[in-house]
C-alpha atoms as a PDB file:
ATOM      1  CA  MET A   1      62.399 148.351  67.170  1.00  0.00           C
ATOM      2  CA  LEU A   2      62.940 145.430  65.179  1.00  0.00           C
ATOM      3  CA  GLU A   3      59.758 144.080  66.053  1.00  0.00           C
ATOM      4  CA  GLN A   4      58.136 147.686  64.520  1.00  0.00           C
ATOM      5  CA  VAL A   5      60.027 146.959  61.746  1.00  0.00           C
ATOM      6  CA  GLY A   6      58.811 143.258  61.901  1.00  0.00           C
ATOM      7  CA  SER A   7      55.319 144.308  62.309  1.00  0.00           C
ATOM      8  CA  LEU A   8      55.596 146.291  58.889  1.00  0.00           C
ATOM      9  CA  VAL A   9      57.420 143.416  56.872  1.00  0.00           C
ATOM     10  CA  GLY A  10      54.854 141.122  58.256  1.00  0.00           C
ATOM     11  CA  SER A  11      52.015 142.143  56.234  1.00  0.00           C
ATOM     12  CA  PRO A  12      51.490 140.070  52.656  1.00  0.00           C
ATOM     13  CA  TRP A  13      52.451 143.378  50.827  1.00  0.00           C
ATOM     14  CA  ILE A  14      56.051 142.348  51.958  1.00  0.00           C
ATOM     15  CA  TYR A  15      56.423 140.090  49.016  1.00  0.00           C
ATOM     16  CA  ALA A  16      55.148 142.717  46.788  1.00  0.00           C
ATOM     17  CA  VAL A  17      57.838 145.010  48.441  1.00  0.00           C
ATOM     18  CA  VAL A  18      60.666 142.454  47.826  1.00  0.00           C
ATOM     19  CA  ALA A  19      59.677 141.861  44.082  1.00  0.00           C
ATOM     20  CA  LEU A  20      59.725 145.028  43.157  1.00  0.00           C
ATOM     21  CA  SER A  21      62.848 146.097  45.062  1.00  0.00           C
ATOM     22  CA  VAL A  22      64.560 142.949  43.443  1.00  0.00           C
ATOM     23  CA  LEU A  23      63.040 143.559  40.066  1.00  0.00           C
ATOM     24  CA  LEU A  24      64.228 147.118  40.040  1.00  0.00           C
ATOM     25  CA  ASP A  25      67.795 146.850  41.334  1.00  0.00           C
ATOM     26  CA  VAL A  26      69.199 146.039  37.911  1.00  0.00           C
ATOM     27  CA  PHE A  27      68.320 149.777  36.773  1.00  0.00           C
ATOM     28  CA  LEU A  28      68.966 151.113  40.083  1.00  0.00           C
ATOM     29  CA  PRO A  29      71.888 149.136  41.956  1.00  0.00           C
ATOM     30  CA  VAL A  30      71.501 151.655  44.797  1.00  0.00           C
ATOM     31  CA  LEU A  31      68.191 150.178  45.955  1.00  0.00           C
ATOM     32  CA  PRO A  32      68.677 148.273  49.274  1.00  0.00           C
ATOM     33  CA  SER A  33      66.779 144.806  48.039  1.00  0.00           C
ATOM     34  CA  GLY A  34      69.492 142.517  50.138  1.00  0.00           C
ATOM     35  CA  VAL A  35      69.024 144.570  53.142  1.00  0.00           C
ATOM     36  CA  LEU A  36      64.825 144.194  52.387  1.00  0.00           C
ATOM     37  CA  VAL A  37      65.093 140.617  52.071  1.00  0.00           C
ATOM     38  CA  ILE A  38      67.548 140.076  55.398  1.00  0.00           C
ATOM     39  CA  THR A  39      65.021 142.187  57.467  1.00  0.00           C
ATOM     40  CA  ALA A  40      62.285 140.266  56.260  1.00  0.00           C
ATOM     41  CA  ALA A  41      64.073 137.065  56.922  1.00  0.00           C
ATOM     42  CA  THR A  42      64.944 138.162  60.358  1.00  0.00           C
ATOM     43  CA  ALA A  43      61.144 139.148  61.374  1.00  0.00           C
ATOM     44  CA  ALA A  44      60.421 135.646  60.244  1.00  0.00           C
ATOM     45  CA  ALA A  45      62.685 134.110  62.603  1.00  0.00           C
ATOM     46  CA  ALA A  46      61.458 136.416  65.135  1.00  0.00           C
ATOM     47  CA  GLY A  47      57.394 135.252  64.901  1.00  0.00           C
ATOM     48  CA  THR A  48      55.353 133.106  64.376  1.00  0.00           C
ATOM     49  CA  ALA A  49      54.309 131.240  60.663  1.00  0.00           C
ATOM     50  CA  THR A  50      51.296 132.900  60.636  1.00  0.00           C
ATOM     51  CA  ASP A  51      51.866 136.454  61.113  1.00  0.00           C
ATOM     52  CA  VAL A  52      55.188 136.794  59.211  1.00  0.00           C
ATOM     53  CA  PRO A  53      56.440 136.159  55.653  1.00  0.00           C
ATOM     54  CA  ASP A  54      56.948 132.590  54.526  1.00  0.00           C
ATOM     55  CA  ILE A  55      60.522 131.906  54.189  1.00  0.00           C
ATOM     56  CA  LEU A  56      60.614 129.387  51.023  1.00  0.00           C
ATOM     57  CA  ALA A  57      57.573 132.042  49.437  1.00  0.00           C
ATOM     58  CA  LEU A  58      60.108 134.951  50.180  1.00  0.00           C
ATOM     59  CA  THR A  59      62.819 133.019  48.877  1.00  0.00           C
ATOM     60  CA  LEU A  60      61.107 132.080  45.843  1.00  0.00           C
ATOM     61  CA  CYS A  61      59.639 135.673  45.700  1.00  0.00           C
ATOM     62  CA  ALA A  62      63.404 137.401  45.473  1.00  0.00           C
ATOM     63  CA  ALA A  63      64.503 134.337  43.035  1.00  0.00           C
ATOM     64  CA  THR A  64      61.672 135.017  40.622  1.00  0.00           C
ATOM     65  CA  ALA A  65      62.243 138.483  40.886  1.00  0.00           C
ATOM     66  CA  SER A  66      65.997 138.549  40.347  1.00  0.00           C
ATOM     67  CA  VAL A  67      65.514 136.001  37.399  1.00  0.00           C
ATOM     68  CA  LEU A  68      62.744 138.639  35.502  1.00  0.00           C
ATOM     69  CA  GLY A  69      64.785 142.181  36.235  1.00  0.00           C
ATOM     70  CA  ASP A  70      67.796 140.075  34.576  1.00  0.00           C
ATOM     71  CA  LEU A  71      65.557 138.753  31.819  1.00  0.00           C
ATOM     72  CA  VAL A  72      64.439 142.803  31.440  1.00  0.00           C
ATOM     73  CA  ALA A  73      67.739 144.218  31.390  1.00  0.00           C
ATOM     74  CA  TYR A  74      68.776 141.737  28.819  1.00  0.00           C
ATOM     75  CA  ARG A  75      65.724 142.314  26.392  1.00  0.00           C
ATOM     76  CA  LEU A  76      66.234 146.272  26.952  1.00  0.00           C
ATOM     77  CA  ALA A  77      70.036 145.675  26.094  1.00  0.00           C
ATOM     78  CA  TRP A  78      69.446 143.870  23.124  1.00  0.00           C
ATOM     79  CA  ARG A  79      67.011 146.134  21.525  1.00  0.00           C
ATOM     80  CA  GLY A  80      68.973 148.627  22.610  1.00  0.00           C
ATOM     81  CA  GLY A  81      70.946 148.940  18.923  1.00  0.00           C
ATOM     82  CA  PRO A  82      73.928 151.234  18.121  1.00  0.00           C
ATOM     83  CA  ARG A  83      72.781 154.117  20.523  1.00  0.00           C
ATOM     84  CA  LEU A  84      73.747 151.570  23.577  1.00  0.00           C
ATOM     85  CA  ASP A  85      76.725 149.952  21.719  1.00  0.00           C
ATOM     86  CA  ARG A  86      78.099 153.478  21.682  1.00  0.00           C
ATOM     87  CA  ALA A  87      77.300 154.160  25.760  1.00  0.00           C
ATOM     88  CA  ILE A  88      79.143 150.490  26.495  1.00  0.00           C
ATOM     89  CA  SER A  89      82.019 151.046  23.759  1.00  0.00           C
ATOM     90  CA  ARG A  90      82.360 155.026  25.618  1.00  0.00           C
ATOM     91  CA  SER A  91      83.032 152.441  29.443  1.00  0.00           C
ATOM     92  CA  ARG A  92      86.344 150.322  30.191  1.00  0.00           C
ATOM     93  CA  ARG A  93      84.421 148.731  32.588  1.00  0.00           C
ATOM     94  CA  LEU A  94      81.497 147.765  30.817  1.00  0.00           C
ATOM     95  CA  THR A  95      83.413 146.367  27.550  1.00  0.00           C
ATOM     96  CA  LEU A  96      85.580 144.313  29.464  1.00  0.00           C
ATOM     97  CA  ALA A  97      82.701 143.031  31.151  1.00  0.00           C
ATOM     98  CA  GLN A  98      81.193 142.454  28.050  1.00  0.00           C
ATOM     99  CA  GLU A  99      83.837 140.676  26.729  1.00  0.00           C
ATOM    100  CA  ARG A 100      84.997 138.608  29.992  1.00  0.00           C
ATOM    101  CA  LEU A 101      80.918 137.590  29.754  1.00  0.00           C
ATOM    102  CA  GLY A 102      80.897 136.592  26.146  1.00  0.00           C
ATOM    103  CA  ALA A 103      84.347 134.245  26.916  1.00  0.00           C
ATOM    104  CA  ALA A 104      83.033 132.816  29.874  1.00  0.00           C
ATOM    105  CA  LEU A 105      79.519 131.899  28.046  1.00  0.00           C
ATOM    106  CA  ALA A 106      81.107 130.832  24.881  1.00  0.00           C
ATOM    107  CA  ARG A 107      83.669 128.446  26.737  1.00  0.00           C
ATOM    108  CA  GLY A 108      79.956 126.806  28.217  1.00  0.00           C
ATOM    109  CA  GLY A 109      80.699 128.530  31.604  1.00  0.00           C
ATOM    110  CA  GLY A 110      78.608 130.913  33.193  1.00  0.00           C
ATOM    111  CA  ALA A 111      79.999 130.992  36.745  1.00  0.00           C
ATOM    112  CA  LEU A 112      80.493 134.984  36.148  1.00  0.00           C
ATOM    113  CA  VAL A 113      76.719 135.341  36.011  1.00  0.00           C
ATOM    114  CA  VAL A 114      76.725 133.712  39.447  1.00  0.00           C
ATOM    115  CA  LEU A 115      79.752 135.375  40.866  1.00  0.00           C
ATOM    116  CA  ALA A 116      78.063 138.930  39.436  1.00  0.00           C
ATOM    117  CA  ARG A 117      75.127 138.542  41.103  1.00  0.00           C
ATOM    118  CA  PHE A 118      76.425 138.994  44.546  1.00  0.00           C
ATOM    119  CA  ALA A 119      78.981 142.004  43.144  1.00  0.00           C
ATOM    120  CA  PRO A 120      77.458 145.776  43.839  1.00  0.00           C
ATOM    121  CA  ALA A 121      76.514 146.482  40.055  1.00  0.00           C
ATOM    122  CA  GLY A 122      77.884 143.542  38.624  1.00  0.00           C
ATOM    123  CA  ARG A 123      74.081 142.122  37.942  1.00  0.00           C
ATOM    124  CA  SER A 124      73.530 145.149  36.076  1.00  0.00           C
ATOM    125  CA  VAL A 125      76.560 144.904  33.882  1.00  0.00           C
ATOM    126  CA  VAL A 126      76.263 141.217  33.151  1.00  0.00           C
ATOM    127  CA  SER A 127      72.657 141.417  31.955  1.00  0.00           C
ATOM    128  CA  LEU A 128      73.317 144.400  29.962  1.00  0.00           C
ATOM    129  CA  GLY A 129      76.387 142.875  28.876  1.00  0.00           C
ATOM    130  CA  ALA A 130      74.873 140.046  27.413  1.00  0.00           C
ATOM    131  CA  GLY A 131      71.678 141.527  25.786  1.00  0.00           C
ATOM    132  CA  ALA A 132      73.842 143.872  24.092  1.00  0.00           C
ATOM    133  CA  ALA A 133      76.885 141.097  22.826  1.00  0.00           C
ATOM    134  CA  ARG A 134      73.507 139.659  21.694  1.00  0.00           C
ATOM    135  CA  ARG A 135      74.331 136.489  23.631  1.00  0.00           C
ATOM    136  CA  ARG A 136      71.735 133.713  23.225  1.00  0.00           C
ATOM    137  CA  ALA A 137      69.185 133.235  25.580  1.00  0.00           C
ATOM    138  CA  ARG A 138      69.473 129.691  26.453  1.00  0.00           C
ATOM    139  CA  ASP A 139      73.301 130.457  27.243  1.00  0.00           C
ATOM    140  CA  PHE A 140      72.491 133.373  29.688  1.00  0.00           C
ATOM    141  CA  LEU A 141      68.834 132.561  31.443  1.00  0.00           C
ATOM    142  CA  PRO A 142      69.948 129.112  33.162  1.00  0.00           C
ATOM    143  CA  TRP A 143      73.130 131.010  34.832  1.00  0.00           C
ATOM    144  CA  SER A 144      70.757 134.135  35.690  1.00  0.00           C
ATOM    145  CA  ALA A 145      68.408 131.554  37.151  1.00  0.00           C
ATOM    146  CA  LEU A 146      70.723 129.654  39.573  1.00  0.00           C
ATOM    147  CA  ALA A 147      72.405 133.201  40.414  1.00  0.00           C
ATOM    148  CA  GLY A 148      68.986 134.873  41.567  1.00  0.00           C
ATOM    149  CA  LEU A 149      68.449 131.250  43.499  1.00  0.00           C
ATOM    150  CA  THR A 150      71.962 131.191  44.662  1.00  0.00           C
ATOM    151  CA  TRP A 151      71.517 134.914  46.145  1.00  0.00           C
ATOM    152  CA  ALA A 152      68.110 134.348  47.438  1.00  0.00           C
ATOM    153  CA  VAL A 153      68.942 131.226  49.458  1.00  0.00           C
ATOM    154  CA  TYR A 154      72.094 132.934  50.775  1.00  0.00           C
ATOM    155  CA  SER A 155      70.275 136.496  51.650  1.00  0.00           C
ATOM    156  CA  VAL A 156      67.608 134.756  53.348  1.00  0.00           C
ATOM    157  CA  ALA A 157      69.357 132.555  55.403  1.00  0.00           C
ATOM    158  CA  LEU A 158      71.519 135.112  56.434  1.00  0.00           C
ATOM    159  CA  GLY A 159      68.486 136.845  57.977  1.00  0.00           C
ATOM    160  CA  TYR A 160      67.130 133.660  59.120  1.00  0.00           C
ATOM    161  CA  PHE A 161      69.680 131.996  60.681  1.00  0.00           C
ATOM    162  CA  GLY A 162      71.452 135.204  62.063  1.00  0.00           C
ATOM    163  CA  ALA A 163      68.390 136.236  64.306  1.00  0.00           C
ATOM    164  CA  GLN A 164      68.171 132.220  65.179  1.00  0.00           C
ATOM    165  CA  LEU A 165      72.102 131.983  66.256  1.00  0.00           C
ATOM    166  CA  LEU A 166      71.671 136.010  67.577  1.00  0.00           C
ATOM    167  CA  GLY A 167      68.240 136.757  68.577  1.00  0.00           C
ATOM    168  CA  ALA A 168      65.891 138.930  66.500  1.00  0.00           C
ATOM    169  CA  THR A 169      67.612 142.380  67.069  1.00  0.00           C
ATOM    170  CA  TRP A 170      69.333 144.912  65.098  1.00  0.00           C
ATOM    171  CA  VAL A 171      72.453 143.310  65.672  1.00  0.00           C
ATOM    172  CA  ALA A 172      71.726 140.187  63.838  1.00  0.00           C
ATOM    173  CA  ALA A 173      70.447 142.292  61.061  1.00  0.00           C
ATOM    174  CA  GLY A 174      73.226 144.217  61.120  1.00  0.00           C
ATOM    175  CA  VAL A 175      75.656 141.399  61.112  1.00  0.00           C
ATOM    176  CA  SER A 176      73.981 139.706  58.354  1.00  0.00           C
ATOM    177  CA  VAL A 177      74.104 142.113  55.647  1.00  0.00           C
ATOM    178  CA  GLY A 178      77.852 142.419  57.026  1.00  0.00           C
ATOM    179  CA  ALA A 179      78.022 138.999  55.740  1.00  0.00           C
ATOM    180  CA  LEU A 180      76.304 140.221  52.302  1.00  0.00           C
ATOM    181  CA  PHE A 181      78.306 143.179  51.673  1.00  0.00           C
ATOM    182  CA  ALA A 182      81.433 140.881  52.732  1.00  0.00           C
ATOM    183  CA  ALA A 183      80.233 138.407  49.788  1.00  0.00           C
ATOM    184  CA  GLY A 184      79.533 141.290  47.324  1.00  0.00           C
ATOM    185  CA  ALA A 185      83.359 142.394  47.825  1.00  0.00           C
ATOM    186  CA  GLY A 186      84.758 139.111  47.621  1.00  0.00           C
ATOM    187  CA  ALA A 187      82.479 139.025  44.562  1.00  0.00           C
ATOM    188  CA  ALA A 188      83.594 142.106  43.370  1.00  0.00           C
ATOM    189  CA  TYR A 189      87.506 141.527  44.069  1.00  0.00           C
ATOM    190  CA  LEU A 190      87.099 138.045  41.616  1.00  0.00           C
ATOM    191  CA  MET A 191      85.373 139.498  38.880  1.00  0.00           C
ATOM    192  CA  ARG A 192      88.094 142.309  38.617  1.00  0.00           C
ATOM    193  CA  ARG A 193      90.861 139.907  38.977  1.00  0.00           C
ATOM    194  CA  GLU A 194      92.644 139.212  35.357  1.00  0.00           C
ATOM    195  CA  PRO A 195      91.841 135.989  33.923  1.00  0.00           C
ATOM    196  CA  ARG A 196      94.580 133.429  34.180  1.00  0.00           C
ATOM    197  CA  THR A 197      96.445 132.997  30.759  1.00  0.00           C
ATOM    198  CA  SER A 198      96.944 129.405  29.824  1.00  0.00           C
END
């Protein structure tokens, strides 16, 4: 059955589908963009270079779409005005994330941006929070680029090397997706931890 999915993801349209899914999952975190990237990489491991997605192109496509999605969310939140500010202030989670992100970026560090890319809905919270707090783009976007590239490399590597080690089967895809979810759970746990006071 993975071969049939491989034939679907083996067309040039897979790049557009991956890009659209990754771009939009900043607004709709329920989109399975990570699962799609892993499935395409697993299919790539199963076939030849001529009839499946190129691993490098798939990685660059996912990373670029991730950064563009972050940028769109950041700009929309930047221009959101008082209505968005009120919506954020009603959510304790968004308010806390906005404060922590502001503190992390003010210290010159953006590891939180990278970590958030792996956490469920973390990318949305951080991108919208950075825009709503009117953080400078030069402070946020380099970290967003690093986050998008790290996530894309990790997701593609999971699918590709999982298929190399376990064969291009649903088991390999399932193990790879499980590893992606485990990374997301770990990132969510680290993001929820209270920062240590000095």
